Structure formats: C-alpha cells, structure tokens
Amino acid sequence: MLRAIGLLLLVQSAEAETGNLLVNGDFTTDFGGWTITDSSAGQNIVFWTSPAGTPPSPGGTGGSLNLTAFRNSSITASQCVAITDNVIDASVLIFPFVTAGPSFAQLVAFGSGDCGGNALDTIPLASTPPDLPVWITYNVLGAVVPPGTSSVRFELGTSDGDNGSDGDYLFDSARLEMSNIFEDGFEVDSGAAEID
C-alpha cells in the first residue's frame, strides 16, 4: 500500500511541474511578473499591446509585450524560475517591427535558486529574425542545462544594433517547461507498484 501511495505522490509531483513555468507568459492583460531592465536610463520604450492592437496577438485572447531600443542601448524583460529537472523546453513568438537592432530570447542558467551569482551557461532561443512582418516562433527543445543548475532566467529583449539603428519587437506566448521527470535518469519500473 505504501508503494502505491509513493508512486501516486511521484506522479502528482511530476504533474505539478508540467505546463508553463512562467508567470504571465501570454501577456494576457499586462506585463506583470516580468522584470524590465533598461540600459538607456529611460529613453527606451516598453508597453503592453492589447489583443485589438496591430498586429493582433496570435491567440487573440491576450496582448503582447512591446520592447523598443534606441541609440546604443538595450531593453530586456526577464523572469527567474527555479527548476528541478535537467532538460527544459522553451519558446516565444516574436513579431519584428524594426529589425535594424537585433532581438534576442535566451535562457541563462544559475547554480542558485534565485538566478543570483555567476551564470553557468546561456542557451539561445532566437537570433535576428528576417525582416518580414509576421509572427515567428523561436524555441529550444530538450535543452540540457549544466550540472548544478537550480534556476534559469528567461530573457527577452532587443538592442540598438549600432548607434542609430533601432530595434522594435513584439513578444508573445513565452513558455518554459520541464522536458523530463527524473534528473538522475532513474525511472520507476511499472511493476514496482504493489497494491495490497
């Protein structure tokens, strides 16, 4: 009986870690839950675009995050997530308005549980998208984080490519999910659960 209860708790724990680990990844009503960092001391632009905005967000139910960088600067939106698995999936939709300055989406891995200290690694999701006015999906599937990773910072942003070429992008549908349940490779044999 105890084995059955232990297996049930293991399955419930695995289910609790599935789904999007980001808060407000769809930017439904605002960009709450995201930390904005502006290297320009206020000259860059960040705002929420409603579903009725141009272009409408892909799902039609939420809004989008608009980040614009000017004059040799950058602006990012980030979120720190504690993780317990060693393999993760991440994705984001990017709409390019002005692509002279590049956009980026990346995961930064940390040994601490709060994205503090030195970064262990950076895993890119996106490079500069083509200069076409369409939503483009960028993702990384099955990314193996470095040993000892306890948290990742999901970063979205843009920069002024060189002094005078702006970057202006919409971001939507940001997702971060665990890819596997067991970080040490141990898997429970299906015959291990005995019900008395």
Protein backbone atom coordinates (compact mmCIF):
# COMPACT_ATOMS: atom_id res chain seq x y z
CA MET A 1 0.00 0.00 0.00
CA LEU A 2 2.83 2.39 0.86
CA ARG A 3 4.46 1.75 -2.53
CA ALA A 4 1.21 2.66 -4.27
CA ILE A 5 0.95 5.89 -2.28
CA GLY A 6 4.61 6.72 -3.03
CA LEU A 7 4.06 6.15 -6.76
CA LEU A 8 0.92 8.31 -6.67
CA LEU A 9 2.86 11.15 -4.97
CA LEU A 10 5.63 10.83 -7.57
CA VAL A 11 3.12 11.10 -10.41
CA GLN A 12 1.41 14.09 -8.75
CA SER A 13 4.79 15.77 -8.28
CA ALA A 14 5.62 15.24 -11.95
CA GLU A 15 2.24 16.64 -12.98
CA ALA A 16 2.80 19.71 -10.81
CA GLU A 17 5.98 20.50 -12.80
CA THR A 18 4.35 20.22 -16.22
CA GLY A 19 2.91 23.20 -18.07
CA ASN A 20 4.24 26.71 -18.42
CA LEU A 21 6.50 27.67 -15.50
CA LEU A 22 6.47 31.35 -16.49
CA VAL A 23 4.06 33.79 -14.88
CA ASN A 24 2.01 35.69 -17.48
CA GLY A 25 3.88 34.26 -20.45
CA ASP A 26 0.95 35.20 -22.71
CA PHE A 27 0.93 38.84 -21.51
CA THR A 28 -2.84 38.49 -21.11
CA THR A 29 -3.61 41.90 -19.59
CA ASP A 30 -0.19 43.47 -18.92
CA PHE A 31 3.47 42.51 -18.47
CA GLY A 32 3.14 41.78 -14.76
CA GLY A 33 5.55 39.11 -13.47
CA TRP A 34 8.34 40.30 -15.78
CA THR A 35 11.32 42.42 -14.67
CA ILE A 36 12.17 45.21 -17.11
CA THR A 37 15.82 46.28 -17.42
CA ASP A 38 16.57 49.40 -19.49
CA SER A 39 20.23 50.30 -20.11
CA SER A 40 19.26 53.73 -21.50
CA ALA A 41 18.10 55.39 -18.27
CA GLY A 42 14.59 55.76 -19.63
CA GLN A 43 14.87 56.54 -23.34
CA ASN A 44 13.78 53.04 -24.46
CA ILE A 45 10.13 52.01 -24.67
CA VAL A 46 8.23 49.15 -23.05
CA PHE A 47 4.45 48.78 -23.19
CA TRP A 48 1.65 46.24 -23.37
CA THR A 49 -0.25 45.93 -26.65
CA SER A 50 -3.90 44.89 -26.45
CA PRO A 51 -5.34 41.99 -28.48
CA ALA A 52 -7.01 44.57 -30.72
CA GLY A 53 -3.61 46.13 -31.48
CA THR A 54 -1.82 45.79 -34.78
CA PRO A 55 -0.77 43.07 -35.28
CA PRO A 56 -3.17 41.11 -33.08
CA SER A 57 -1.61 38.58 -30.75
CA PRO A 58 -1.66 35.06 -32.23
CA GLY A 59 -4.18 33.56 -29.79
CA GLY A 60 -6.49 36.55 -29.88
CA THR A 61 -7.14 36.28 -26.12
CA GLY A 62 -4.19 38.18 -24.69
CA GLY A 63 -1.88 41.01 -25.52
CA SER A 64 1.80 41.27 -26.36
CA LEU A 65 4.89 42.86 -24.87
CA ASN A 66 6.45 45.63 -26.98
CA LEU A 67 10.15 46.41 -26.43
CA THR A 68 11.94 49.18 -28.37
CA ALA A 69 15.63 50.12 -28.03
CA PHE A 70 17.16 53.39 -29.25
CA ARG A 71 20.61 54.97 -29.54
CA ASN A 72 23.22 52.40 -28.49
CA SER A 73 21.22 50.77 -25.69
CA SER A 74 19.21 47.65 -24.85
CA ILE A 75 15.99 46.73 -23.06
CA THR A 76 15.01 43.34 -21.64
CA ALA A 77 12.13 41.62 -19.89
CA SER A 78 13.12 38.67 -17.73
CA GLN A 79 11.75 36.17 -15.27
CA CYS A 80 13.63 33.85 -12.88
CA VAL A 81 12.29 30.29 -12.44
CA ALA A 82 13.59 27.65 -10.02
CA ILE A 83 13.94 24.30 -11.77
CA THR A 84 14.47 20.74 -10.61
CA ASP A 85 14.95 18.91 -13.93
CA ASN A 86 17.98 18.88 -16.17
CA VAL A 87 16.19 19.15 -19.53
CA ILE A 88 13.88 22.02 -20.48
CA ASP A 89 11.85 23.28 -23.43
CA ALA A 90 11.35 26.98 -24.14
CA SER A 91 9.65 29.01 -26.85
CA VAL A 92 8.45 32.51 -27.69
CA LEU A 93 6.72 34.26 -30.60
CA ILE A 94 8.45 37.37 -31.96
CA PHE A 95 6.97 39.98 -34.30
CA PRO A 96 9.60 42.24 -35.90
CA PHE A 97 8.63 45.90 -36.43
CA VAL A 98 12.11 47.41 -36.85
CA THR A 99 14.91 44.86 -37.22
CA ALA A 100 17.95 47.09 -37.63
CA GLY A 101 18.71 46.32 -33.99
CA PRO A 102 18.60 42.59 -33.12
CA SER A 103 16.10 40.84 -30.89
CA PHE A 104 17.02 38.02 -28.55
CA ALA A 105 15.39 35.35 -26.43
CA GLN A 106 17.57 33.20 -24.20
CA LEU A 107 17.80 31.15 -21.04
CA VAL A 108 20.57 31.87 -18.54
CA ALA A 109 21.33 29.03 -16.09
CA PHE A 110 22.40 29.63 -12.47
CA GLY A 111 23.54 27.40 -9.61
CA SER A 112 21.50 29.36 -7.07
CA GLY A 113 17.73 29.05 -6.75
CA ASP A 114 17.19 32.80 -7.38
CA CYS A 115 19.26 33.49 -10.53
CA GLY A 116 21.98 35.08 -8.42
CA GLY A 117 25.73 34.78 -8.72
CA ASN A 118 27.67 33.80 -11.80
CA ALA A 119 25.83 32.33 -14.77
CA LEU A 120 26.64 28.70 -15.58
CA ASP A 121 25.61 28.90 -19.24
CA THR A 122 23.43 30.75 -21.75
CA ILE A 123 21.08 28.86 -24.07
CA PRO A 124 19.85 30.98 -27.02
CA LEU A 125 16.32 30.67 -28.38
CA ALA A 126 16.40 33.27 -31.13
CA SER A 127 18.68 35.11 -33.46
CA THR A 128 17.76 38.16 -35.51
CA PRO A 129 14.54 37.27 -37.35
CA PRO A 130 14.11 38.05 -41.04
CA ASP A 131 12.76 41.48 -41.93
CA LEU A 132 9.22 40.24 -42.58
CA PRO A 133 6.10 41.45 -40.74
CA VAL A 134 4.94 38.04 -39.45
CA TRP A 135 4.97 36.27 -36.08
CA ILE A 136 7.96 33.96 -35.93
CA THR A 137 8.33 31.09 -33.45
CA TYR A 138 11.68 30.60 -31.74
CA ASN A 139 12.27 27.67 -29.45
CA VAL A 140 14.70 25.24 -27.96
CA LEU A 141 13.53 21.69 -27.27
CA GLY A 142 15.30 19.27 -24.98
CA ALA A 143 17.93 21.78 -23.85
CA VAL A 144 20.21 20.14 -21.29
CA VAL A 145 21.11 22.59 -18.54
CA PRO A 146 24.57 22.40 -16.93
CA PRO A 147 25.01 20.15 -13.88
CA GLY A 148 24.20 22.06 -10.70
CA THR A 149 21.58 24.35 -12.29
CA SER A 150 18.91 25.37 -9.77
CA SER A 151 17.27 28.25 -11.68
CA VAL A 152 17.05 29.79 -15.13
CA ARG A 153 16.36 33.35 -16.16
CA PHE A 154 14.17 33.59 -19.27
CA GLU A 155 15.22 36.78 -21.09
CA LEU A 156 13.52 38.61 -23.97
CA GLY A 157 14.92 41.79 -25.43
CA THR A 158 16.27 44.00 -28.15
CA SER A 159 19.15 46.37 -28.62
CA ASP A 160 20.21 49.18 -30.90
CA GLY A 161 22.45 47.29 -33.33
CA ASP A 162 24.73 50.29 -33.74
CA ASN A 163 24.18 53.87 -32.72
CA GLY A 164 21.25 54.93 -34.87
CA SER A 165 19.60 51.61 -35.86
CA ASP A 166 16.64 50.86 -33.60
CA GLY A 167 15.20 47.50 -32.56
CA ASP A 168 11.42 47.27 -32.10
CA TYR A 169 9.74 43.90 -31.44
CA LEU A 170 6.58 42.34 -30.00
CA PHE A 171 6.91 39.23 -27.81
CA ASP A 172 4.10 36.79 -27.01
CA SER A 173 3.39 33.23 -25.87
CA ALA A 174 6.60 32.79 -23.84
CA ARG A 175 6.80 29.25 -22.46
CA LEU A 176 9.22 27.36 -20.22
CA GLU A 177 8.54 23.70 -19.43
CA MET A 178 10.34 20.75 -17.93
CA SER A 179 11.11 18.04 -20.51
CA ASN A 180 11.66 15.12 -18.16
CA ILE A 181 10.63 14.00 -14.69
CA PHE A 182 13.82 12.43 -13.36
CA GLU A 183 17.02 14.45 -13.28
CA ASP A 184 19.26 11.49 -12.39
CA GLY A 185 17.97 9.09 -15.07
CA PHE A 186 16.28 6.80 -12.52
CA GLU A 187 12.91 5.57 -13.67
CA VAL A 188 10.39 3.61 -11.67
CA ASP A 189 9.65 0.16 -13.05
CA SER A 190 5.96 -0.14 -13.81
CA GLY A 191 5.89 -3.42 -11.87
CA ALA A 192 7.18 -1.73 -8.70
CA ALA A 193 3.78 -0.56 -7.53
CA GLU A 194 2.10 -3.24 -5.47
CA ILE A 195 -1.41 -2.64 -4.26
CA ASP A 196 -2.37 -4.65 -1.19
